Amino acid sequence: MALKDNILDRAQKFMQKGAFDKALIEYRAACDVDPRDISIRLRIGDLYVKMNRKTEAIKEYTEVARANSQRGFYLKAIAVYKQVLKLDDSILEVHYKLAELYTKQRLIADAISSYSTIVKTFERKGKTSEVMELLKKMSEIDPENIGVRLKLADLYQKLSFEKDALAEYSVIFSKLVAQRQFDKA
């Protein structure tokens, strides 16, 4: 891997000189030498950010996150997906991936937050069935989350799914009573 190291050294020198285009060529060459080294792709993404080329940066970061996730490095994937969202927080697919990864890591509050972002987008677009499916998923992930359950129950009621709404309201009522929150119940 001496060849890769030499290429990376040249890329770093170009970076220090601010010759980003030449550094990019070197990083691409290093990537060709060792395509399994995703840390090089991460550097390429970082370089694209410095070059103010967001679309290319997002593409690189997304590939790095996907590779980390496939290899079981969920926390690394989460960190890279967060970098993508700093560049463009409207990419729903990234919110989905983050929610899935948070769930795998048992970071339930973060998963619910990511799903909530998607729910809000779908609500604005009038995608009621998608909202309902996400709320169901959220209540499965966090069955104690009364806010999610209430939102789901209200949606059921709005869509005239009376039995589903009543069942959900009943669960909410029981949970609130068990928590001794009689005023909310």
N, C-alpha and C. Protein backbone atom coordinates (compact mmCIF):
# COMPACT_ATOMS: atom_id res chain seq x y z
N MET A 1 0.81 -1.20 0.00
CA MET A 1 0.00 0.00 0.00
C MET A 1 0.86 1.27 0.00
N ALA A 2 2.14 1.09 -0.29
CA ALA A 2 3.02 2.26 -0.37
C ALA A 2 2.54 3.22 -1.45
N LEU A 3 2.01 2.66 -2.53
CA LEU A 3 1.51 3.50 -3.62
C LEU A 3 0.36 4.38 -3.12
N LYS A 4 -0.57 3.78 -2.39
CA LYS A 4 -1.70 4.55 -1.86
C LYS A 4 -1.21 5.63 -0.91
N ASP A 5 -0.28 5.28 -0.05
CA ASP A 5 0.26 6.26 0.91
C ASP A 5 0.92 7.43 0.20
N ASN A 6 1.67 7.14 -0.86
CA ASN A 6 2.31 8.21 -1.64
C ASN A 6 1.28 9.12 -2.28
N ILE A 7 0.23 8.51 -2.81
CA ILE A 7 -0.83 9.29 -3.45
C ILE A 7 -1.52 10.18 -2.40
N LEU A 8 -1.81 9.60 -1.25
CA LEU A 8 -2.47 10.37 -0.18
C LEU A 8 -1.59 11.51 0.32
N ASP A 9 -0.28 11.26 0.39
CA ASP A 9 0.66 12.33 0.78
C ASP A 9 0.61 13.49 -0.21
N ARG A 10 0.61 13.14 -1.50
CA ARG A 10 0.54 14.19 -2.54
C ARG A 10 -0.78 14.95 -2.42
N ALA A 11 -1.86 14.22 -2.19
CA ALA A 11 -3.18 14.87 -2.05
C ALA A 11 -3.17 15.84 -0.88
N GLN A 12 -2.58 15.41 0.23
CA GLN A 12 -2.53 16.26 1.42
C GLN A 12 -1.70 17.52 1.16
N LYS A 13 -0.61 17.38 0.43
CA LYS A 13 0.21 18.55 0.10
C LYS A 13 -0.56 19.53 -0.79
N PHE A 14 -1.31 18.99 -1.75
CA PHE A 14 -2.13 19.86 -2.59
C PHE A 14 -3.20 20.58 -1.75
N MET A 15 -3.76 19.85 -0.77
CA MET A 15 -4.76 20.44 0.11
C MET A 15 -4.16 21.62 0.87
N GLN A 16 -2.97 21.43 1.41
CA GLN A 16 -2.32 22.49 2.18
C GLN A 16 -2.03 23.72 1.33
N LYS A 17 -1.79 23.50 0.05
CA LYS A 17 -1.52 24.61 -0.86
C LYS A 17 -2.81 25.24 -1.38
N GLY A 18 -3.95 24.61 -1.08
CA GLY A 18 -5.22 25.12 -1.59
C GLY A 18 -5.50 24.72 -3.02
N ALA A 19 -4.74 23.76 -3.53
CA ALA A 19 -4.94 23.27 -4.90
C ALA A 19 -5.95 22.11 -4.84
N PHE A 20 -7.20 22.46 -4.62
CA PHE A 20 -8.23 21.46 -4.37
C PHE A 20 -8.48 20.56 -5.58
N ASP A 21 -8.44 21.10 -6.78
CA ASP A 21 -8.67 20.28 -7.98
C ASP A 21 -7.60 19.19 -8.11
N LYS A 22 -6.35 19.56 -7.84
CA LYS A 22 -5.27 18.57 -7.92
C LYS A 22 -5.39 17.55 -6.78
N ALA A 23 -5.78 18.02 -5.60
CA ALA A 23 -5.98 17.10 -4.47
C ALA A 23 -7.09 16.10 -4.79
N LEU A 24 -8.14 16.58 -5.43
CA LEU A 24 -9.25 15.71 -5.80
C LEU A 24 -8.78 14.61 -6.76
N ILE A 25 -7.96 14.98 -7.72
CA ILE A 25 -7.43 13.99 -8.66
C ILE A 25 -6.64 12.92 -7.91
N GLU A 26 -5.82 13.34 -6.97
CA GLU A 26 -5.02 12.40 -6.19
C GLU A 26 -5.90 11.50 -5.32
N TYR A 27 -6.90 12.09 -4.67
CA TYR A 27 -7.80 11.28 -3.84
C TYR A 27 -8.55 10.25 -4.69
N ARG A 28 -8.97 10.66 -5.87
CA ARG A 28 -9.64 9.72 -6.78
C ARG A 28 -8.69 8.58 -7.17
N ALA A 29 -7.43 8.93 -7.41
CA ALA A 29 -6.43 7.90 -7.75
C ALA A 29 -6.25 6.94 -6.58
N ALA A 30 -6.19 7.47 -5.36
CA ALA A 30 -6.05 6.62 -4.17
C ALA A 30 -7.27 5.71 -4.03
N CYS A 31 -8.42 6.25 -4.35
CA CYS A 31 -9.66 5.47 -4.29
C CYS A 31 -9.62 4.33 -5.31
N ASP A 32 -9.03 4.58 -6.48
CA ASP A 32 -8.90 3.54 -7.50
C ASP A 32 -7.94 2.44 -7.04
N VAL A 33 -6.89 2.83 -6.32
CA VAL A 33 -5.92 1.86 -5.81
C VAL A 33 -6.54 0.98 -4.73
N ASP A 34 -7.34 1.59 -3.85
CA ASP A 34 -7.97 0.84 -2.75
C ASP A 34 -9.44 1.25 -2.61
N PRO A 35 -10.30 0.68 -3.46
CA PRO A 35 -11.71 1.08 -3.44
C PRO A 35 -12.45 0.72 -2.15
N ARG A 36 -11.91 -0.17 -1.35
CA ARG A 36 -12.59 -0.56 -0.11
C ARG A 36 -12.32 0.41 1.05
N ASP A 37 -11.35 1.28 0.88
CA ASP A 37 -11.02 2.26 1.92
C ASP A 37 -11.99 3.44 1.82
N ILE A 38 -13.07 3.35 2.60
CA ILE A 38 -14.10 4.39 2.50
C ILE A 38 -13.68 5.70 3.16
N SER A 39 -12.60 5.66 3.93
CA SER A 39 -12.12 6.91 4.54
C SER A 39 -11.64 7.88 3.45
N ILE A 40 -11.19 7.34 2.34
CA ILE A 40 -10.78 8.21 1.22
C ILE A 40 -12.00 8.90 0.64
N ARG A 41 -13.10 8.15 0.52
CA ARG A 41 -14.34 8.75 0.00
C ARG A 41 -14.84 9.84 0.94
N LEU A 42 -14.63 9.63 2.23
CA LEU A 42 -15.02 10.65 3.21
C LEU A 42 -14.19 11.92 3.00
N ARG A 43 -12.90 11.74 2.75
CA ARG A 43 -12.04 12.90 2.48
C ARG A 43 -12.47 13.61 1.20
N ILE A 44 -12.87 12.82 0.21
CA ILE A 44 -13.35 13.42 -1.04
C ILE A 44 -14.61 14.25 -0.76
N GLY A 45 -15.49 13.71 0.05
CA GLY A 45 -16.69 14.46 0.43
C GLY A 45 -16.32 15.76 1.12
N ASP A 46 -15.39 15.68 2.07
CA ASP A 46 -14.93 16.89 2.77
C ASP A 46 -14.33 17.91 1.79
N LEU A 47 -13.60 17.39 0.82
CA LEU A 47 -12.99 18.27 -0.18
C LEU A 47 -14.06 18.96 -1.02
N TYR A 48 -15.08 18.21 -1.40
CA TYR A 48 -16.19 18.82 -2.15
C TYR A 48 -16.86 19.93 -1.34
N VAL A 49 -16.98 19.73 -0.04
CA VAL A 49 -17.57 20.77 0.80
C VAL A 49 -16.70 22.02 0.74
N LYS A 50 -15.38 21.85 0.84
CA LYS A 50 -14.47 23.00 0.77
C LYS A 50 -14.56 23.70 -0.59
N MET A 51 -14.86 22.92 -1.61
CA MET A 51 -14.97 23.46 -2.96
C MET A 51 -16.36 24.02 -3.23
N ASN A 52 -17.23 23.95 -2.21
CA ASN A 52 -18.62 24.41 -2.33
C ASN A 52 -19.39 23.66 -3.42
N ARG A 53 -19.14 22.38 -3.49
CA ARG A 53 -19.83 21.51 -4.44
C ARG A 53 -20.68 20.53 -3.63
N LYS A 54 -21.81 21.06 -3.15
CA LYS A 54 -22.66 20.32 -2.21
C LYS A 54 -23.21 19.02 -2.81
N THR A 55 -23.64 19.05 -4.05
CA THR A 55 -24.25 17.86 -4.65
C THR A 55 -23.27 16.69 -4.66
N GLU A 56 -22.03 16.97 -5.06
CA GLU A 56 -21.02 15.92 -5.10
C GLU A 56 -20.66 15.46 -3.68
N ALA A 57 -20.61 16.41 -2.74
CA ALA A 57 -20.30 16.06 -1.35
C ALA A 57 -21.38 15.14 -0.79
N ILE A 58 -22.63 15.47 -1.05
CA ILE A 58 -23.74 14.65 -0.57
C ILE A 58 -23.65 13.25 -1.15
N LYS A 59 -23.32 13.16 -2.42
CA LYS A 59 -23.18 11.84 -3.07
C LYS A 59 -22.09 11.01 -2.40
N GLU A 60 -20.94 11.62 -2.16
CA GLU A 60 -19.84 10.90 -1.52
C GLU A 60 -20.20 10.50 -0.09
N TYR A 61 -20.72 11.45 0.68
CA TYR A 61 -21.08 11.17 2.07
C TYR A 61 -22.13 10.06 2.15
N THR A 62 -23.11 10.11 1.26
CA THR A 62 -24.16 9.09 1.28
C THR A 62 -23.57 7.71 1.01
N GLU A 63 -22.65 7.64 0.09
CA GLU A 63 -22.00 6.36 -0.20
C GLU A 63 -21.18 5.87 1.00
N VAL A 64 -20.48 6.78 1.65
CA VAL A 64 -19.69 6.41 2.84
C VAL A 64 -20.62 5.91 3.95
N ALA A 65 -21.71 6.62 4.17
CA ALA A 65 -22.66 6.22 5.22
C ALA A 65 -23.26 4.85 4.91
N ARG A 66 -23.63 4.65 3.65
CA ARG A 66 -24.19 3.35 3.24
C ARG A 66 -23.19 2.22 3.48
N ALA A 67 -21.94 2.46 3.10
CA ALA A 67 -20.90 1.44 3.29
C ALA A 67 -20.68 1.16 4.78
N ASN A 68 -20.63 2.20 5.59
CA ASN A 68 -20.47 2.00 7.03
C ASN A 68 -21.63 1.20 7.61
N SER A 69 -22.82 1.52 7.16
CA SER A 69 -24.01 0.82 7.65
C SER A 69 -23.96 -0.66 7.27
N GLN A 70 -23.61 -0.93 6.02
CA GLN A 70 -23.51 -2.32 5.56
C GLN A 70 -22.47 -3.11 6.34
N ARG A 71 -21.43 -2.44 6.76
CA ARG A 71 -20.36 -3.10 7.51
C ARG A 71 -20.66 -3.18 9.01
N GLY A 72 -21.81 -2.65 9.41
CA GLY A 72 -22.21 -2.71 10.82
C GLY A 72 -21.67 -1.58 11.67
N PHE A 73 -21.08 -0.58 11.03
CA PHE A 73 -20.56 0.59 11.76
C PHE A 73 -21.65 1.65 11.81
N TYR A 74 -22.68 1.37 12.60
CA TYR A 74 -23.88 2.21 12.61
C TYR A 74 -23.61 3.62 13.12
N LEU A 75 -22.79 3.74 14.15
CA LEU A 75 -22.52 5.09 14.68
C LEU A 75 -21.74 5.94 13.69
N LYS A 76 -20.83 5.31 12.95
CA LYS A 76 -20.11 6.05 11.91
C LYS A 76 -21.07 6.47 10.80
N ALA A 77 -21.97 5.57 10.44
CA ALA A 77 -22.95 5.90 9.41
C ALA A 77 -23.84 7.06 9.86
N ILE A 78 -24.25 7.02 11.11
CA ILE A 78 -25.08 8.10 11.66
C ILE A 78 -24.33 9.43 11.56
N ALA A 79 -23.07 9.43 11.93
CA ALA A 79 -22.28 10.67 11.90
C ALA A 79 -22.18 11.22 10.48
N VAL A 80 -22.01 10.35 9.51
CA VAL A 80 -21.88 10.82 8.12
C VAL A 80 -23.23 11.30 7.59
N TYR A 81 -24.31 10.57 7.92
CA TYR A 81 -25.63 11.04 7.49
C TYR A 81 -25.94 12.41 8.08
N LYS A 82 -25.49 12.66 9.30
CA LYS A 82 -25.69 13.97 9.90
C LYS A 82 -24.95 15.05 9.10
N GLN A 83 -23.78 14.71 8.56
CA GLN A 83 -23.06 15.66 7.72
C GLN A 83 -23.87 15.98 6.47
N VAL A 84 -24.53 14.97 5.93
CA VAL A 84 -25.37 15.19 4.75
C VAL A 84 -26.48 16.17 5.09
N LEU A 85 -27.12 15.96 6.24
CA LEU A 85 -28.22 16.83 6.63
C LEU A 85 -27.76 18.26 6.89
N LYS A 86 -26.51 18.45 7.29
CA LYS A 86 -25.99 19.82 7.45
C LYS A 86 -25.93 20.53 6.10
N LEU A 87 -25.72 19.73 5.05
CA LEU A 87 -25.66 20.31 3.71
C LEU A 87 -27.05 20.51 3.11
N ASP A 88 -27.95 19.57 3.42
CA ASP A 88 -29.32 19.65 2.90
C ASP A 88 -30.23 18.82 3.79
N ASP A 89 -30.97 19.49 4.66
CA ASP A 89 -31.80 18.75 5.62
C ASP A 89 -33.16 18.34 5.05
N SER A 90 -33.38 18.55 3.77
CA SER A 90 -34.66 18.20 3.16
C SER A 90 -34.64 16.83 2.49
N ILE A 91 -33.55 16.09 2.59
CA ILE A 91 -33.46 14.78 1.93
C ILE A 91 -34.13 13.74 2.82
N LEU A 92 -35.35 13.38 2.46
CA LEU A 92 -36.14 12.47 3.29
C LEU A 92 -35.49 11.10 3.42
N GLU A 93 -34.84 10.63 2.36
CA GLU A 93 -34.20 9.32 2.41
C GLU A 93 -33.15 9.27 3.52
N VAL A 94 -32.45 10.36 3.73
CA VAL A 94 -31.44 10.41 4.78
C VAL A 94 -32.12 10.36 6.16
N HIS A 95 -33.23 11.06 6.30
CA HIS A 95 -33.98 11.00 7.56
C HIS A 95 -34.46 9.57 7.83
N TYR A 96 -34.92 8.89 6.78
CA TYR A 96 -35.33 7.48 6.93
C TYR A 96 -34.16 6.62 7.40
N LYS A 97 -33.03 6.77 6.72
CA LYS A 97 -31.84 5.97 7.07
C LYS A 97 -31.42 6.24 8.51
N LEU A 98 -31.41 7.52 8.88
CA LEU A 98 -31.04 7.87 10.25
C LEU A 98 -32.01 7.24 11.25
N ALA A 99 -33.30 7.31 10.97
CA ALA A 99 -34.29 6.73 11.87
C ALA A 99 -34.06 5.23 12.04
N GLU A 100 -33.77 4.56 10.94
CA GLU A 100 -33.50 3.11 11.00
C GLU A 100 -32.25 2.81 11.81
N LEU A 101 -31.20 3.60 11.58
CA LEU A 101 -29.95 3.38 12.31
C LEU A 101 -30.11 3.70 13.79
N TYR A 102 -30.81 4.78 14.09
CA TYR A 102 -31.07 5.11 15.50
C TYR A 102 -31.84 3.98 16.17
N THR A 103 -32.79 3.41 15.47
CA THR A 103 -33.57 2.30 16.02
C THR A 103 -32.66 1.11 16.30
N LYS A 104 -31.78 0.80 15.35
CA LYS A 104 -30.84 -0.32 15.55
C LYS A 104 -29.94 -0.08 16.75
N GLN A 105 -29.59 1.17 16.98
CA GLN A 105 -28.72 1.51 18.11
C GLN A 105 -29.50 1.75 19.40
N ARG A 106 -30.81 1.58 19.31
CA ARG A 106 -31.72 1.79 20.45
C ARG A 106 -31.68 3.24 20.95
N LEU A 107 -31.48 4.15 20.03
CA LEU A 107 -31.53 5.58 20.31
C LEU A 107 -32.94 6.05 19.91
N ILE A 108 -33.90 5.64 20.73
CA ILE A 108 -35.31 5.77 20.39
C ILE A 108 -35.74 7.23 20.21
N ALA A 109 -35.33 8.11 21.09
CA ALA A 109 -35.72 9.52 20.97
C ALA A 109 -35.22 10.11 19.66
N ASP A 110 -34.00 9.75 19.26
CA ASP A 110 -33.46 10.25 18.00
C ASP A 110 -34.22 9.66 16.81
N ALA A 111 -34.58 8.39 16.90
CA ALA A 111 -35.36 7.76 15.83
C ALA A 111 -36.71 8.46 15.68
N ILE A 112 -37.37 8.70 16.80
CA ILE A 112 -38.67 9.37 16.77
C ILE A 112 -38.52 10.77 16.17
N SER A 113 -37.46 11.46 16.51
CA SER A 113 -37.21 12.79 15.98
C SER A 113 -37.05 12.76 14.46
N SER A 114 -36.28 11.79 13.96
CA SER A 114 -36.09 11.68 12.51
C SER A 114 -37.40 11.35 11.81
N TYR A 115 -38.15 10.40 12.38
CA TYR A 115 -39.45 10.07 11.78
C TYR A 115 -40.40 11.27 11.84
N SER A 116 -40.34 12.05 12.91
CA SER A 116 -41.21 13.22 13.04
C SER A 116 -40.95 14.23 11.93
N THR A 117 -39.70 14.38 11.55
CA THR A 117 -39.36 15.28 10.45
C THR A 117 -40.04 14.81 9.16
N ILE A 118 -40.02 13.52 8.94
CA ILE A 118 -40.66 12.97 7.74
C ILE A 118 -42.17 13.15 7.82
N VAL A 119 -42.73 12.89 9.00
CA VAL A 119 -44.18 13.05 9.19
C VAL A 119 -44.60 14.48 8.85
N LYS A 120 -43.87 15.46 9.35
CA LYS A 120 -44.21 16.87 9.09
C LYS A 120 -44.18 17.17 7.59
N THR A 121 -43.19 16.63 6.90
CA THR A 121 -43.10 16.84 5.45
C THR A 121 -44.30 16.21 4.75
N PHE A 122 -44.63 14.98 5.14
CA PHE A 122 -45.77 14.31 4.51
C PHE A 122 -47.09 15.02 4.84
N GLU A 123 -47.20 15.55 6.04
CA GLU A 123 -48.41 16.29 6.40
C GLU A 123 -48.57 17.52 5.51
N ARG A 124 -47.48 18.24 5.28
CA ARG A 124 -47.52 19.42 4.41
C ARG A 124 -47.93 19.04 2.98
N LYS A 125 -47.51 17.84 2.56
CA LYS A 125 -47.81 17.39 1.20
C LYS A 125 -49.16 16.67 1.11
N GLY A 126 -49.83 16.51 2.24
CA GLY A 126 -51.14 15.86 2.24
C GLY A 126 -51.08 14.35 2.04
N LYS A 127 -49.97 13.75 2.38
CA LYS A 127 -49.80 12.30 2.22
C LYS A 127 -50.25 11.58 3.49
N THR A 128 -51.55 11.50 3.65
CA THR A 128 -52.15 11.00 4.89
C THR A 128 -51.81 9.54 5.16
N SER A 129 -51.86 8.69 4.14
CA SER A 129 -51.59 7.26 4.38
C SER A 129 -50.14 7.05 4.80
N GLU A 130 -49.21 7.83 4.23
CA GLU A 130 -47.81 7.73 4.63
C GLU A 130 -47.61 8.19 6.07
N VAL A 131 -48.34 9.27 6.43
CA VAL A 131 -48.28 9.77 7.80
C VAL A 131 -48.76 8.69 8.76
N MET A 132 -49.87 8.04 8.41
CA MET A 132 -50.43 7.00 9.28
C MET A 132 -49.44 5.84 9.45
N GLU A 133 -48.82 5.41 8.37
CA GLU A 133 -47.87 4.30 8.46
C GLU A 133 -46.66 4.67 9.33
N LEU A 134 -46.18 5.89 9.18
CA LEU A 134 -45.05 6.32 10.00
C LEU A 134 -45.43 6.43 11.47
N LEU A 135 -46.60 6.95 11.74
CA LEU A 135 -47.04 7.05 13.14
C LEU A 135 -47.20 5.66 13.76
N LYS A 136 -47.68 4.71 12.99
CA LYS A 136 -47.77 3.33 13.48
C LYS A 136 -46.38 2.80 13.82
N LYS A 137 -45.46 3.03 12.90
CA LYS A 137 -44.08 2.57 13.12
C LYS A 137 -43.48 3.23 14.36
N MET A 138 -43.72 4.53 14.51
CA MET A 138 -43.20 5.27 15.65
C MET A 138 -43.78 4.73 16.96
N SER A 139 -45.07 4.38 16.95
CA SER A 139 -45.68 3.86 18.18
C SER A 139 -45.20 2.45 18.48
N GLU A 140 -44.78 1.71 17.45
CA GLU A 140 -44.17 0.39 17.69
C GLU A 140 -42.78 0.54 18.31
N ILE A 141 -42.04 1.51 17.81
CA ILE A 141 -40.68 1.74 18.31
C ILE A 141 -40.70 2.26 19.74
N ASP A 142 -41.64 3.17 20.00
CA ASP A 142 -41.73 3.80 21.32
C ASP A 142 -43.18 3.72 21.82
N PRO A 143 -43.59 2.54 22.29
CA PRO A 143 -44.99 2.35 22.69
C PRO A 143 -45.42 3.25 23.85
N GLU A 144 -44.48 3.78 24.61
CA GLU A 144 -44.82 4.64 25.75
C GLU A 144 -44.98 6.10 25.36
N ASN A 145 -44.72 6.42 24.11
CA ASN A 145 -44.78 7.81 23.65
C ASN A 145 -46.24 8.20 23.42
N ILE A 146 -46.81 8.87 24.39
CA ILE A 146 -48.23 9.24 24.35
C ILE A 146 -48.50 10.26 23.25
N GLY A 147 -47.56 11.15 23.01
CA GLY A 147 -47.74 12.16 21.97
C GLY A 147 -47.92 11.54 20.60
N VAL A 148 -47.10 10.55 20.29
CA VAL A 148 -47.22 9.86 19.00
C VAL A 148 -48.54 9.12 18.92
N ARG A 149 -48.88 8.43 20.00
CA ARG A 149 -50.14 7.67 20.03
C ARG A 149 -51.35 8.59 19.88
N LEU A 150 -51.29 9.76 20.51
CA LEU A 150 -52.39 10.71 20.42
C LEU A 150 -52.53 11.24 18.99
N LYS A 151 -51.41 11.51 18.37
CA LYS A 151 -51.43 11.98 16.98
C LYS A 151 -52.03 10.91 16.07
N LEU A 152 -51.67 9.65 16.32
CA LEU A 152 -52.21 8.54 15.53
C LEU A 152 -53.71 8.40 15.78
N ALA A 153 -54.12 8.47 17.03
CA ALA A 153 -55.55 8.36 17.36
C ALA A 153 -56.35 9.49 16.70
N ASP A 154 -55.81 10.70 16.75
CA ASP A 154 -56.49 11.84 16.13
C ASP A 154 -56.61 11.65 14.61
N LEU A 155 -55.56 11.10 14.01
CA LEU A 155 -55.60 10.84 12.56
C LEU A 155 -56.64 9.77 12.24
N TYR A 156 -56.67 8.71 13.05
CA TYR A 156 -57.70 7.68 12.86
C TYR A 156 -59.09 8.30 12.93
N GLN A 157 -59.30 9.16 13.92
CA GLN A 157 -60.61 9.79 14.09
C GLN A 157 -60.93 10.67 12.89
N LYS A 158 -59.96 11.42 12.44
CA LYS A 158 -60.16 12.31 11.28
C LYS A 158 -60.55 11.51 10.04
N LEU A 159 -59.96 10.31 9.90
CA LEU A 159 -60.24 9.48 8.72
C LEU A 159 -61.43 8.55 8.92
N SER A 160 -62.13 8.74 10.03
CA SER A 160 -63.32 7.95 10.36
C SER A 160 -63.02 6.47 10.60
N PHE A 161 -61.86 6.17 11.13
CA PHE A 161 -61.54 4.81 11.57
C PHE A 161 -61.85 4.76 13.06
N GLU A 162 -63.16 4.74 13.37
CA GLU A 162 -63.60 4.88 14.76
C GLU A 162 -63.03 3.80 15.68
N LYS A 163 -63.06 2.55 15.24
CA LYS A 163 -62.58 1.45 16.10
C LYS A 163 -61.09 1.63 16.42
N ASP A 164 -60.31 1.97 15.40
CA ASP A 164 -58.88 2.17 15.61
C ASP A 164 -58.63 3.37 16.52
N ALA A 165 -59.39 4.44 16.30
CA ALA A 165 -59.24 5.64 17.13
C ALA A 165 -59.57 5.32 18.58
N LEU A 166 -60.70 4.64 18.80
CA LEU A 166 -61.09 4.29 20.17
C LEU A 166 -60.07 3.38 20.84
N ALA A 167 -59.55 2.42 20.10
CA ALA A 167 -58.54 1.52 20.67
C ALA A 167 -57.30 2.30 21.09
N GLU A 168 -56.89 3.22 20.25
CA GLU A 168 -55.69 4.02 20.55
C GLU A 168 -55.95 4.96 21.73
N TYR A 169 -57.11 5.62 21.72
CA TYR A 169 -57.47 6.49 22.85
C TYR A 169 -57.54 5.70 24.16
N SER A 170 -58.01 4.46 24.08
CA SER A 170 -58.10 3.61 25.27
C SER A 170 -56.71 3.30 25.82
N VAL A 171 -55.78 2.99 24.93
CA VAL A 171 -54.40 2.72 25.35
C VAL A 171 -53.80 3.97 26.00
N ILE A 172 -54.03 5.12 25.37
CA ILE A 172 -53.51 6.39 25.91
C ILE A 172 -54.09 6.64 27.29
N PHE A 173 -55.39 6.46 27.42
CA PHE A 173 -56.06 6.67 28.71
C PHE A 173 -55.45 5.76 29.79
N SER A 174 -55.27 4.49 29.46
CA SER A 174 -54.70 3.53 30.42
C SER A 174 -53.30 3.93 30.84
N LYS A 175 -52.50 4.37 29.89
CA LYS A 175 -51.12 4.78 30.20
C LYS A 175 -51.10 6.01 31.09
N LEU A 176 -51.97 6.96 30.80
CA LEU A 176 -52.02 8.18 31.61
C LEU A 176 -52.49 7.86 33.03
N VAL A 177 -53.48 6.99 33.16
CA VAL A 177 -53.96 6.60 34.49
C VAL A 177 -52.85 5.88 35.25
N ALA A 178 -52.13 4.99 34.55
CA ALA A 178 -51.03 4.25 35.19
C ALA A 178 -49.93 5.20 35.66
N GLN A 179 -49.76 6.30 34.94
CA GLN A 179 -48.76 7.31 35.31
C GLN A 179 -49.33 8.33 36.30
N ARG A 180 -50.55 8.11 36.70
CA ARG A 180 -51.25 8.97 37.66
C ARG A 180 -51.40 10.41 37.14
N GLN A 181 -51.56 10.52 35.84
CA GLN A 181 -51.79 11.83 35.21
C GLN A 181 -53.27 11.95 34.91
N PHE A 182 -54.04 12.03 35.97
CA PHE A 182 -55.50 12.00 35.85
C PHE A 182 -56.04 13.21 35.10
N ASP A 183 -55.41 14.36 35.26
CA ASP A 183 -55.90 15.55 34.57
C ASP A 183 -55.79 15.40 33.05
N LYS A 184 -54.70 14.81 32.58
CA LYS A 184 -54.54 14.58 31.14
C LYS A 184 -55.43 13.46 30.65
N ALA A 185 -55.64 12.46 31.52
CA ALA A 185 -56.49 11.32 31.14
C ALA A 185 -57.90 11.81 30.95
